[in-house]
């Protein structure tokens, strides 16, 4: 019988693991935030998006540069896996993805970014129809499309949430195999991860009042908890296989 750690246990374990390592993880947060901000604002620096053709080009550029965040996500997974396994870490570990299977990280991010754009596209279409016609019915349609799109996106994101961790543990797998495996390990655990994720929402909201300074502690904390969630899944998965093999014998 598998026994999964509760949210409280995962958080307590993460606090212990972070002790003495805040210098490295806060440095990593600063590096990732700096690169992400640059990547996010790069499209607006290149094009103004004042009309439909420019808007299309703007989103195409945004999509392409967003693929770089997959490499950083791979590096972050590497850093936090090292942390919870008791290995020495440094802020520079977040760039590990640039030298270890960056093609797979980009492909994984391509899928994730594509799903995000697909789910948000209907709401954006209704929004721009409203801007050109000022018909209030488009506001209603935009709201409905947004809620449905986000609900679908949340479920898919939960299913694929483990891909970058799996990339570190199973680098020999293809991107398609990593996504399939993520869906498999998350079967029956999407609700647990959703609850765990929203449990950080009050802290993130409070962090705004610190002018985001608290995020230097909060982001590493939540990332470590998510990494421990992954490790808990994989340990129980291994136990299940051992039990199945023992029964066959």
Protein backbone atom coordinates (compact mmCIF):
# COMPACT_ATOMS: atom_id res chain seq x y z
CA UNK A 1 0.00 0.00 0.00
CA UNK A 2 1.39 3.39 -1.02
CA UNK A 3 1.45 6.24 1.49
CA UNK A 4 1.80 9.68 -0.04
CA UNK A 5 3.05 12.64 1.96
CA UNK A 6 0.50 15.28 2.91
CA UNK A 7 0.87 18.92 1.88
CA UNK A 8 1.99 19.79 5.42
CA UNK A 9 4.65 17.06 5.34
CA UNK A 10 5.95 18.21 1.95
CA UNK A 11 6.17 21.80 3.17
CA UNK A 12 7.90 20.88 6.42
CA UNK A 13 10.42 18.73 4.58
CA UNK A 14 11.10 21.52 2.10
CA UNK A 15 11.81 24.05 4.84
CA UNK A 16 14.40 21.72 6.34
CA UNK A 17 16.05 21.12 2.97
CA UNK A 18 16.25 24.85 2.19
CA UNK A 19 17.99 25.67 5.47
CA UNK A 20 21.50 26.88 4.73
CA UNK A 21 20.90 27.10 0.98
CA UNK A 22 18.96 30.34 0.64
CA UNK A 23 21.92 32.19 -0.86
CA UNK A 24 22.06 29.83 -3.84
CA UNK A 25 18.31 29.55 -4.40
CA UNK A 26 17.63 33.30 -4.09
CA UNK A 27 20.44 33.91 -6.55
CA UNK A 28 18.79 31.41 -8.89
CA UNK A 29 15.44 33.19 -8.52
CA UNK A 30 17.06 36.51 -9.40
CA UNK A 31 18.75 35.05 -12.49
CA UNK A 32 15.58 33.37 -13.75
CA UNK A 33 13.48 36.47 -13.08
CA UNK A 34 15.95 38.70 -14.94
CA UNK A 35 16.05 36.47 -18.01
CA UNK A 36 12.28 35.92 -17.96
CA UNK A 37 11.55 39.66 -17.72
CA UNK A 38 13.86 40.36 -20.65
CA UNK A 39 12.26 37.59 -22.72
CA UNK A 40 8.77 38.80 -21.79
CA UNK A 41 9.39 42.42 -22.79
CA UNK A 42 11.47 41.65 -25.89
CA UNK A 43 8.44 41.45 -28.25
CA UNK A 44 7.15 44.84 -27.10
CA UNK A 45 10.59 46.34 -27.74
CA UNK A 46 10.60 45.01 -31.30
CA UNK A 47 7.04 45.78 -32.39
CA UNK A 48 4.21 48.08 -31.26
CA UNK A 49 1.24 45.86 -32.27
CA UNK A 50 -1.04 48.72 -33.35
CA UNK A 51 -2.95 46.70 -35.95
CA UNK A 52 -3.88 43.07 -36.71
CA UNK A 53 -0.80 42.16 -38.81
CA UNK A 54 1.53 43.65 -36.19
CA UNK A 55 -0.46 41.89 -33.47
CA UNK A 56 0.03 38.53 -35.20
CA UNK A 57 3.76 39.19 -35.55
CA UNK A 58 3.88 40.26 -31.89
CA UNK A 59 2.37 36.98 -30.69
CA UNK A 60 4.59 34.96 -33.01
CA UNK A 61 7.68 36.62 -31.53
CA UNK A 62 6.30 36.14 -28.01
CA UNK A 63 5.74 32.46 -28.72
CA UNK A 64 9.24 31.92 -30.10
CA UNK A 65 11.04 33.67 -27.24
CA UNK A 66 8.87 31.82 -24.70
CA UNK A 67 10.57 28.60 -25.81
CA UNK A 68 13.71 29.76 -24.01
CA UNK A 69 11.87 29.53 -20.70
CA UNK A 70 11.72 25.77 -21.21
CA UNK A 71 15.51 25.60 -20.96
CA UNK A 72 15.36 27.59 -17.72
CA UNK A 73 12.60 25.32 -16.40
CA UNK A 74 14.84 22.34 -17.10
CA UNK A 75 17.68 24.01 -15.21
CA UNK A 76 15.43 24.83 -12.27
CA UNK A 77 14.28 21.22 -12.09
CA UNK A 78 17.93 20.15 -12.04
CA UNK A 79 18.78 22.59 -9.24
CA UNK A 80 15.89 21.61 -6.96
CA UNK A 81 16.36 17.90 -7.54
CA UNK A 82 19.98 18.33 -6.45
CA UNK A 83 18.80 20.29 -3.41
CA UNK A 84 16.36 17.69 -2.11
CA UNK A 85 18.88 14.91 -2.81
CA UNK A 86 21.42 16.65 -0.56
CA UNK A 87 23.87 17.57 -3.32
CA UNK A 88 25.78 20.90 -3.46
CA UNK A 89 23.96 23.56 -5.47
CA UNK A 90 24.77 26.95 -6.98
CA UNK A 91 22.70 29.69 -8.58
CA UNK A 92 24.31 28.88 -11.93
CA UNK A 93 22.62 25.47 -11.95
CA UNK A 94 19.56 27.12 -13.52
CA UNK A 95 21.54 27.34 -16.77
CA UNK A 96 22.19 23.60 -16.79
CA UNK A 97 19.45 23.14 -19.35
CA UNK A 98 21.50 24.99 -21.98
CA UNK A 99 24.06 22.18 -22.03
CA UNK A 100 21.87 19.18 -21.21
CA UNK A 101 19.24 18.27 -23.80
CA UNK A 102 18.12 21.84 -24.62
CA UNK A 103 16.36 20.50 -27.73
CA UNK A 104 14.03 18.36 -25.60
CA UNK A 105 13.41 21.23 -23.18
CA UNK A 106 12.49 23.52 -26.07
CA UNK A 107 10.20 20.89 -27.58
CA UNK A 108 8.45 20.36 -24.25
CA UNK A 109 8.01 24.11 -23.84
CA UNK A 110 6.76 24.32 -27.44
CA UNK A 111 3.92 21.97 -26.54
CA UNK A 112 3.15 23.79 -23.27
CA UNK A 113 3.22 27.23 -24.91
CA UNK A 114 1.11 26.00 -27.84
CA UNK A 115 -1.53 24.68 -25.46
CA UNK A 116 -1.55 28.00 -23.61
CA UNK A 117 -2.06 29.96 -26.82
CA UNK A 118 -4.73 27.57 -28.11
CA UNK A 119 -6.72 27.74 -24.88
CA UNK A 120 -6.51 31.55 -24.70
CA UNK A 121 -7.05 32.23 -28.42
CA UNK A 122 -10.90 32.25 -28.40
CA UNK A 123 -11.00 34.80 -25.56
CA UNK A 124 -8.47 37.01 -27.37
CA UNK A 125 -10.49 36.86 -30.59
CA UNK A 126 -13.65 38.00 -28.80
CA UNK A 127 -11.67 40.72 -27.03
CA UNK A 128 -10.39 42.23 -30.26
CA UNK A 129 -13.84 41.90 -31.85
CA UNK A 130 -15.12 43.99 -28.96
CA UNK A 131 -12.40 46.59 -29.50
CA UNK A 132 -13.34 46.92 -33.18
CA UNK A 133 -17.14 46.84 -32.79
CA UNK A 134 -17.78 47.82 -29.13
CA UNK A 135 -20.62 45.31 -28.97
CA UNK A 136 -21.09 44.19 -25.37
CA UNK A 137 -22.03 40.66 -26.43
CA UNK A 138 -18.36 40.05 -27.19
CA UNK A 139 -17.48 40.80 -23.56
CA UNK A 140 -19.84 38.03 -22.45
CA UNK A 141 -18.45 35.63 -25.06
CA UNK A 142 -14.90 36.57 -24.08
CA UNK A 143 -15.62 35.83 -20.41
CA UNK A 144 -17.17 32.44 -21.21
CA UNK A 145 -14.30 31.52 -23.55
CA UNK A 146 -11.76 32.61 -20.93
CA UNK A 147 -13.28 30.49 -18.15
CA UNK A 148 -13.57 27.39 -20.36
CA UNK A 149 -10.09 27.89 -21.83
CA UNK A 150 -8.46 28.33 -18.44
CA UNK A 151 -10.25 25.29 -17.00
CA UNK A 152 -8.95 23.15 -19.86
CA UNK A 153 -5.48 24.65 -19.54
CA UNK A 154 -5.31 23.95 -15.79
CA UNK A 155 -6.17 20.27 -16.29
CA UNK A 156 -3.64 19.85 -19.11
CA UNK A 157 -0.97 21.75 -17.16
CA UNK A 158 -1.47 19.45 -14.17
CA UNK A 159 -1.15 16.41 -16.42
CA UNK A 160 2.13 17.67 -17.92
CA UNK A 161 3.46 19.28 -14.73
CA UNK A 162 6.23 16.73 -14.19
CA UNK A 163 7.88 16.78 -17.62
CA UNK A 164 10.97 18.83 -16.69
CA UNK A 165 11.67 16.74 -13.60
CA UNK A 166 11.29 13.59 -15.68
CA UNK A 167 13.69 15.04 -18.26
CA UNK A 168 16.39 15.12 -15.58
CA UNK A 169 15.74 11.56 -14.38
CA UNK A 170 15.05 10.00 -17.81
CA UNK A 171 17.06 12.02 -20.34
CA UNK A 172 17.07 9.03 -22.70
CA UNK A 173 13.32 9.41 -23.23
CA UNK A 174 11.90 11.45 -26.09
CA UNK A 175 9.78 14.52 -25.42
CA UNK A 176 6.67 12.54 -26.38
CA UNK A 177 7.57 9.77 -23.95
CA UNK A 178 8.22 12.28 -21.16
CA UNK A 179 4.80 13.85 -21.67
CA UNK A 180 3.14 10.45 -21.72
CA UNK A 181 4.95 9.44 -18.53
CA UNK A 182 3.94 12.70 -16.82
CA UNK A 183 0.30 11.97 -17.61
CA UNK A 184 0.72 8.47 -16.20
CA UNK A 185 2.35 9.49 -12.91
CA UNK A 186 -0.21 12.29 -12.42
CA UNK A 187 -3.17 9.96 -12.85
CA UNK A 188 -5.16 10.26 -9.64
CA UNK A 189 -2.96 13.06 -8.28
CA UNK A 190 -4.09 16.14 -10.22
CA UNK A 191 -6.38 17.18 -7.37
CA UNK A 192 -3.55 16.85 -4.85
CA UNK A 193 -1.25 19.02 -6.92
CA UNK A 194 -3.98 21.59 -7.59
CA UNK A 195 -4.70 21.89 -3.87
CA UNK A 196 -0.98 22.14 -3.11
CA UNK A 197 -0.55 24.88 -5.74
CA UNK A 198 -3.42 27.07 -4.59
CA UNK A 199 -2.30 26.73 -0.97
CA UNK A 200 0.54 29.12 -1.85
CA UNK A 201 -1.83 31.74 -3.28
CA UNK A 202 -2.35 33.66 0.02
CA UNK A 203 1.43 33.86 0.51
CA UNK A 204 1.97 35.15 -3.02
CA UNK A 205 -0.74 37.77 -2.53
CA UNK A 206 0.81 38.88 0.75
CA UNK A 207 4.20 38.98 -0.95
CA UNK A 208 2.97 41.81 -3.18
CA UNK A 209 2.84 44.10 -0.14
CA UNK A 210 6.56 43.52 0.39
CA UNK A 211 7.19 44.93 -3.10
CA UNK A 212 7.87 41.33 -4.18
CA UNK A 213 10.96 41.05 -1.95
CA UNK A 214 9.33 38.13 -0.13
CA UNK A 215 9.26 36.28 -3.42
CA UNK A 216 13.00 35.67 -3.05
CA UNK A 217 12.04 33.30 -0.22
CA UNK A 218 8.62 32.21 -1.44
CA UNK A 219 9.57 31.09 -4.97
CA UNK A 220 12.35 28.72 -3.77
CA UNK A 221 10.04 27.43 -1.06
CA UNK A 222 7.18 26.61 -3.44
CA UNK A 223 9.58 25.16 -6.03
CA UNK A 224 11.13 22.88 -3.41
CA UNK A 225 7.70 21.71 -2.31
CA UNK A 226 6.77 20.92 -5.91
CA UNK A 227 10.01 18.99 -6.37
CA UNK A 228 9.31 16.97 -3.24
CA UNK A 229 5.83 16.28 -4.62
CA UNK A 230 7.47 14.83 -7.74
CA UNK A 231 9.92 12.76 -5.70
CA UNK A 232 7.05 11.44 -3.56
CA UNK A 233 5.19 10.38 -6.69
CA UNK A 234 8.20 8.56 -8.10
CA UNK A 235 9.07 6.79 -4.84
CA UNK A 236 5.53 5.46 -4.55
CA UNK A 237 5.57 4.50 -8.21
CA UNK A 238 8.74 2.49 -7.59
CA UNK A 239 7.16 0.84 -4.54
CA UNK A 240 4.14 -0.14 -6.64
CA UNK A 241 6.37 -1.81 -9.22
CA UNK A 242 8.27 -3.69 -6.53
CA UNK A 243 5.02 -4.93 -5.04
CA UNK A 244 3.76 -6.03 -8.45
CA UNK A 245 7.01 -7.87 -9.17
CA UNK A 246 6.89 -9.56 -5.74
CA UNK A 247 3.35 -10.75 -6.41
CA UNK A 248 4.38 -12.25 -9.76
CA UNK A 249 7.16 -14.20 -8.03
